[in-house]
């Protein structure tokens, strides 16, 4: 099988099952137009906690940290309705990962 055939086969499989679990060792990336880097210093325990949470969510640590920062900057909605919607979305996400 040529590399072109392999790529075509993998692309077709991805299109057929876009919600498939990400294989171990795969790197998740997000396309974005961000051009600046922020360095943040954490102690070992803080980094371990952040890394564990990112692994549980199946996202890179930097994505989780950016999400936390951006949600704080935007003053995320803390209404009961918004909180229930967030919990529901996280439970749906968890259900797809466990199933």
Protein backbone atom coordinates (compact mmCIF):
# COMPACT_ATOMS: atom_id res chain seq x y z
CA UNK A 1 0.00 0.00 0.00
CA UNK A 2 1.43 3.37 -1.00
CA UNK A 3 1.52 6.34 1.37
CA UNK A 4 -1.16 8.03 -0.75
CA UNK A 5 -3.42 4.98 -0.39
CA UNK A 6 -2.80 4.88 3.36
CA UNK A 7 -3.65 8.57 3.73
CA UNK A 8 -6.81 8.14 1.67
CA UNK A 9 -7.86 5.11 3.74
CA UNK A 10 -7.27 6.92 7.03
CA UNK A 11 -9.09 10.04 5.80
CA UNK A 12 -12.09 7.95 4.72
CA UNK A 13 -12.16 6.17 8.10
CA UNK A 14 -12.05 9.49 9.92
CA UNK A 15 -14.91 10.88 7.84
CA UNK A 16 -17.02 7.78 8.55
CA UNK A 17 -16.47 8.01 12.31
CA UNK A 18 -15.65 11.60 13.35
CA UNK A 19 -16.34 10.85 17.05
CA UNK A 20 -13.92 7.94 17.30
CA UNK A 21 -11.62 7.93 20.32
CA UNK A 22 -8.21 9.48 19.78
CA UNK A 23 -5.53 6.81 19.65
CA UNK A 24 -2.84 6.87 22.37
CA UNK A 25 0.21 8.78 21.25
CA UNK A 26 -1.78 11.05 18.95
CA UNK A 27 -1.21 14.77 19.32
CA UNK A 28 -4.32 16.94 19.36
CA UNK A 29 -3.85 20.32 17.74
CA UNK A 30 -6.22 23.15 17.10
CA UNK A 31 -5.82 25.51 14.20
CA UNK A 32 -5.83 29.09 15.38
CA UNK A 33 -4.50 32.50 14.59
CA UNK A 34 -2.67 32.98 17.87
CA UNK A 35 0.83 34.33 17.46
CA UNK A 36 1.85 35.19 21.03
CA UNK A 37 3.14 32.88 23.72
CA UNK A 38 2.61 33.36 27.46
CA UNK A 39 4.89 31.59 29.89
CA UNK A 40 3.41 30.66 33.25
CA UNK A 41 5.36 29.25 36.17
CA UNK A 42 3.70 26.48 38.17
CA UNK A 43 5.03 24.30 40.94
CA UNK A 44 5.15 20.54 40.40
CA UNK A 45 1.83 19.87 42.14
CA UNK A 46 0.00 22.56 40.16
CA UNK A 47 1.38 21.25 36.87
CA UNK A 48 0.52 17.66 37.81
CA UNK A 49 -3.08 18.66 38.61
CA UNK A 50 -3.42 20.61 35.36
CA UNK A 51 -1.88 17.76 33.36
CA UNK A 52 -4.17 15.17 34.94
CA UNK A 53 -7.27 17.24 34.21
CA UNK A 54 -6.16 17.79 30.61
CA UNK A 55 -5.56 14.05 30.17
CA UNK A 56 -9.01 13.28 31.60
CA UNK A 57 -10.54 15.69 29.09
CA UNK A 58 -8.40 14.40 26.24
CA UNK A 59 -6.90 17.79 25.40
CA UNK A 60 -3.42 19.29 25.56
CA UNK A 61 -2.42 21.04 28.80
CA UNK A 62 -1.94 24.34 26.96
CA UNK A 63 -5.48 24.15 25.56
CA UNK A 64 -6.92 23.59 29.03
CA UNK A 65 -4.90 26.46 30.49
CA UNK A 66 -5.95 28.77 27.64
CA UNK A 67 -9.61 27.77 28.13
CA UNK A 68 -9.35 28.61 31.84
CA UNK A 69 -7.76 31.99 31.11
CA UNK A 70 -10.19 32.95 28.37
CA UNK A 71 -13.28 31.92 30.35
CA UNK A 72 -12.07 34.08 33.24
CA UNK A 73 -11.43 37.04 30.95
CA UNK A 74 -14.84 36.79 29.33
CA UNK A 75 -16.55 36.68 32.72
CA UNK A 76 -18.22 33.36 32.04
CA UNK A 77 -21.90 33.17 32.93
CA UNK A 78 -22.39 31.69 36.41
CA UNK A 79 -26.19 31.51 36.31
CA UNK A 80 -27.78 28.20 37.38
CA UNK A 81 -29.06 27.66 33.84
CA UNK A 82 -25.56 28.16 32.38
CA UNK A 83 -24.03 25.90 35.01
CA UNK A 84 -26.52 23.11 34.24
CA UNK A 85 -25.82 23.48 30.51
CA UNK A 86 -22.07 23.24 31.16
CA UNK A 87 -22.47 20.15 33.36
CA UNK A 88 -24.74 18.55 30.75
CA UNK A 89 -22.16 19.19 28.00
CA UNK A 90 -19.35 17.77 30.13
CA UNK A 91 -21.42 14.68 30.96
CA UNK A 92 -22.19 14.17 27.25
CA UNK A 93 -18.49 14.46 26.50
CA UNK A 94 -17.65 11.96 29.24
CA UNK A 95 -20.31 9.55 27.98
CA UNK A 96 -18.79 9.53 24.49
CA UNK A 97 -15.34 8.82 25.92
CA UNK A 98 -16.53 5.97 28.15
CA UNK A 99 -18.84 4.30 25.63
